Amino acid sequence: MLRQSPSITGPPKGEMAQFKHLQLLTRLPDSKFDQAHASGATTPHSGIYKCQGCGTEIISTAGDPLPPPSHHQHSLNQGGVAWQLIVATV
């Protein structure tokens, strides 16, 4: 299941998903957070993914395809659509 962030243009680059209770999250220095995944690729880990070009965030479930390039529009200077895991679910 995929859900798009309510923002059409996405948050400013560098911001991330928001949260209230830090004690509910665990910092994990894992390489799964460093990889970029192509549009339409199989989601490797369930969680929140951020487009590296524009900052749009989506939720994707492991085994489901990540959104295709037509999911949202980019300007030429934003480059292609690539998804990076920013918050993993357990």
C-alpha atoms as a PDB file:
ATOM      1  CA  MET A   1       0.000   0.000   0.000  1.00  0.00           C
ATOM      2  CA  LEU A   2       1.334   3.414  -0.938  1.00  0.00           C
ATOM      3  CA  ARG A   3       0.328   6.766   0.502  1.00  0.00           C
ATOM      4  CA  GLN A   4       1.581  10.087  -0.766  1.00  0.00           C
ATOM      5  CA  SER A   5       2.490  12.914   1.539  1.00  0.00           C
ATOM      6  CA  PRO A   6      -0.266  15.565   1.488  1.00  0.00           C
ATOM      7  CA  SER A   7       2.257  18.086   0.169  1.00  0.00           C
ATOM      8  CA  ILE A   8       2.183  18.374  -3.612  1.00  0.00           C
ATOM      9  CA  THR A   9       5.669  19.783  -4.032  1.00  0.00           C
ATOM     10  CA  GLY A  10       7.198  18.034  -1.041  1.00  0.00           C
ATOM     11  CA  PRO A  11       9.031  19.551   1.919  1.00  0.00           C
ATOM     12  CA  PRO A  12      12.265  21.477   1.471  1.00  0.00           C
ATOM     13  CA  LYS A  13      15.182  19.158   0.773  1.00  0.00           C
ATOM     14  CA  GLY A  14      16.930  18.168   3.988  1.00  0.00           C
ATOM     15  CA  GLU A  15      13.783  17.933   6.124  1.00  0.00           C
ATOM     16  CA  MET A  16      12.387  14.537   7.060  1.00  0.00           C
ATOM     17  CA  ALA A  17       9.259  12.927   8.399  1.00  0.00           C
ATOM     18  CA  GLN A  18       8.024  14.583  11.574  1.00  0.00           C
ATOM     19  CA  PHE A  19       7.411  12.899  14.926  1.00  0.00           C
ATOM     20  CA  LYS A  20       6.451  13.857  18.456  1.00  0.00           C
ATOM     21  CA  HIS A  21       7.780  11.156  20.785  1.00  0.00           C
ATOM     22  CA  LEU A  22      11.491  10.475  20.309  1.00  0.00           C
ATOM     23  CA  GLN A  23      11.352   7.599  22.806  1.00  0.00           C
ATOM     24  CA  LEU A  24       9.203   5.648  20.297  1.00  0.00           C
ATOM     25  CA  LEU A  25      12.001   5.635  17.696  1.00  0.00           C
ATOM     26  CA  THR A  26      15.307   3.764  17.696  1.00  0.00           C
ATOM     27  CA  ARG A  27      18.441   5.092  16.022  1.00  0.00           C
ATOM     28  CA  LEU A  28      19.920   2.309  13.906  1.00  0.00           C
ATOM     29  CA  PRO A  29      23.171   2.788  11.961  1.00  0.00           C
ATOM     30  CA  ASP A  30      22.221   0.350   9.183  1.00  0.00           C
ATOM     31  CA  SER A  31      23.211   0.529   5.504  1.00  0.00           C
ATOM     32  CA  LYS A  32      19.576  -0.062   4.467  1.00  0.00           C
ATOM     33  CA  PHE A  33      19.051   3.673   5.106  1.00  0.00           C
ATOM     34  CA  ASP A  34      21.887   4.650   2.706  1.00  0.00           C
ATOM     35  CA  GLN A  35      20.633   2.989  -0.486  1.00  0.00           C
ATOM     36  CA  ALA A  36      18.666   4.652  -3.275  1.00  0.00           C
ATOM     37  CA  HIS A  37      16.006   2.541  -4.987  1.00  0.00           C
ATOM     38  CA  ALA A  38      14.700   3.054  -8.512  1.00  0.00           C
ATOM     39  CA  SER A  39      11.078   3.836  -9.291  1.00  0.00           C
ATOM     40  CA  GLY A  40       9.063   0.654  -9.649  1.00  0.00           C
ATOM     41  CA  ALA A  41      11.669  -1.469  -7.817  1.00  0.00           C
ATOM     42  CA  THR A  42      10.454  -3.925  -5.196  1.00  0.00           C
ATOM     43  CA  THR A  43      10.363  -2.307  -1.758  1.00  0.00           C
ATOM     44  CA  PRO A  44      13.086  -4.027   0.308  1.00  0.00           C
ATOM     45  CA  HIS A  45      11.924  -2.832   3.762  1.00  0.00           C
ATOM     46  CA  SER A  46       8.557  -1.517   4.955  1.00  0.00           C
ATOM     47  CA  GLY A  47       8.613   2.112   6.028  1.00  0.00           C
ATOM     48  CA  ILE A  48       8.709   5.738   4.939  1.00  0.00           C
ATOM     49  CA  TYR A  49      10.657   6.523   1.773  1.00  0.00           C
ATOM     50  CA  LYS A  50      11.752   9.948   0.557  1.00  0.00           C
ATOM     51  CA  CYS A  51      12.311  10.967  -3.048  1.00  0.00           C
ATOM     52  CA  GLN A  52      15.941  12.078  -3.285  1.00  0.00           C
ATOM     53  CA  GLY A  53      15.103  14.651  -5.951  1.00  0.00           C
ATOM     54  CA  CYS A  54      12.195  16.592  -4.447  1.00  0.00           C
ATOM     55  CA  GLY A  55      11.638  15.343  -0.887  1.00  0.00           C
ATOM     56  CA  THR A  56       8.178  13.804  -1.405  1.00  0.00           C
ATOM     57  CA  GLU A  57       7.563  11.088   1.186  1.00  0.00           C
ATOM     58  CA  ILE A  58       5.559   7.895   0.736  1.00  0.00           C
ATOM     59  CA  ILE A  59       4.828   4.772   2.756  1.00  0.00           C
ATOM     60  CA  SER A  60       5.618   1.451   1.120  1.00  0.00           C
ATOM     61  CA  THR A  61       5.373  -2.157   2.278  1.00  0.00           C
ATOM     62  CA  ALA A  62       8.147  -4.715   1.732  1.00  0.00           C
ATOM     63  CA  GLY A  63       7.478  -6.684  -1.440  1.00  0.00           C
ATOM     64  CA  ASP A  64       5.308  -4.001  -3.044  1.00  0.00           C
ATOM     65  CA  PRO A  65       6.648  -1.890  -5.924  1.00  0.00           C
ATOM     66  CA  LEU A  66       7.891   1.608  -5.170  1.00  0.00           C
ATOM     67  CA  PRO A  67       5.983   4.329  -7.065  1.00  0.00           C
ATOM     68  CA  PRO A  68       6.729   4.702 -10.794  1.00  0.00           C
ATOM     69  CA  PRO A  69       8.367   7.820 -12.292  1.00  0.00           C
ATOM     70  CA  SER A  70       4.896   9.110 -13.205  1.00  0.00           C
ATOM     71  CA  HIS A  71       3.911   9.184  -9.503  1.00  0.00           C
ATOM     72  CA  HIS A  72       4.850  12.869  -9.215  1.00  0.00           C
ATOM     73  CA  GLN A  73       6.444  15.569 -11.363  1.00  0.00           C
ATOM     74  CA  HIS A  74      10.034  16.797 -11.141  1.00  0.00           C
ATOM     75  CA  SER A  75      11.648  19.853 -12.650  1.00  0.00           C
ATOM     76  CA  LEU A  76      14.779  19.242 -14.723  1.00  0.00           C
ATOM     77  CA  ASN A  77      17.060  20.444 -11.914  1.00  0.00           C
ATOM     78  CA  GLN A  78      15.546  17.891  -9.474  1.00  0.00           C
ATOM     79  CA  GLY A  79      16.690  14.970 -11.619  1.00  0.00           C
ATOM     80  CA  GLY A  80      15.078  11.544 -11.660  1.00  0.00           C
ATOM     81  CA  VAL A  81      12.971   9.842  -9.024  1.00  0.00           C
ATOM     82  CA  ALA A  82      14.918   7.657  -6.556  1.00  0.00           C
ATOM     83  CA  TRP A  83      13.557   6.467  -3.200  1.00  0.00           C
ATOM     84  CA  GLN A  84      15.543   6.295   0.067  1.00  0.00           C
ATOM     85  CA  LEU A  85      14.317   4.621   3.251  1.00  0.00           C
ATOM     86  CA  ILE A  86      14.201   7.209   6.065  1.00  0.00           C
ATOM     87  CA  VAL A  87      12.103   5.393   8.713  1.00  0.00           C
ATOM     88  CA  ALA A  88      11.797   1.600   8.835  1.00  0.00           C
ATOM     89  CA  THR A  89       8.969  -0.256  10.525  1.00  0.00           C
ATOM     90  CA  VAL A  90       9.525  -3.387  12.589  1.00  0.00           C
END
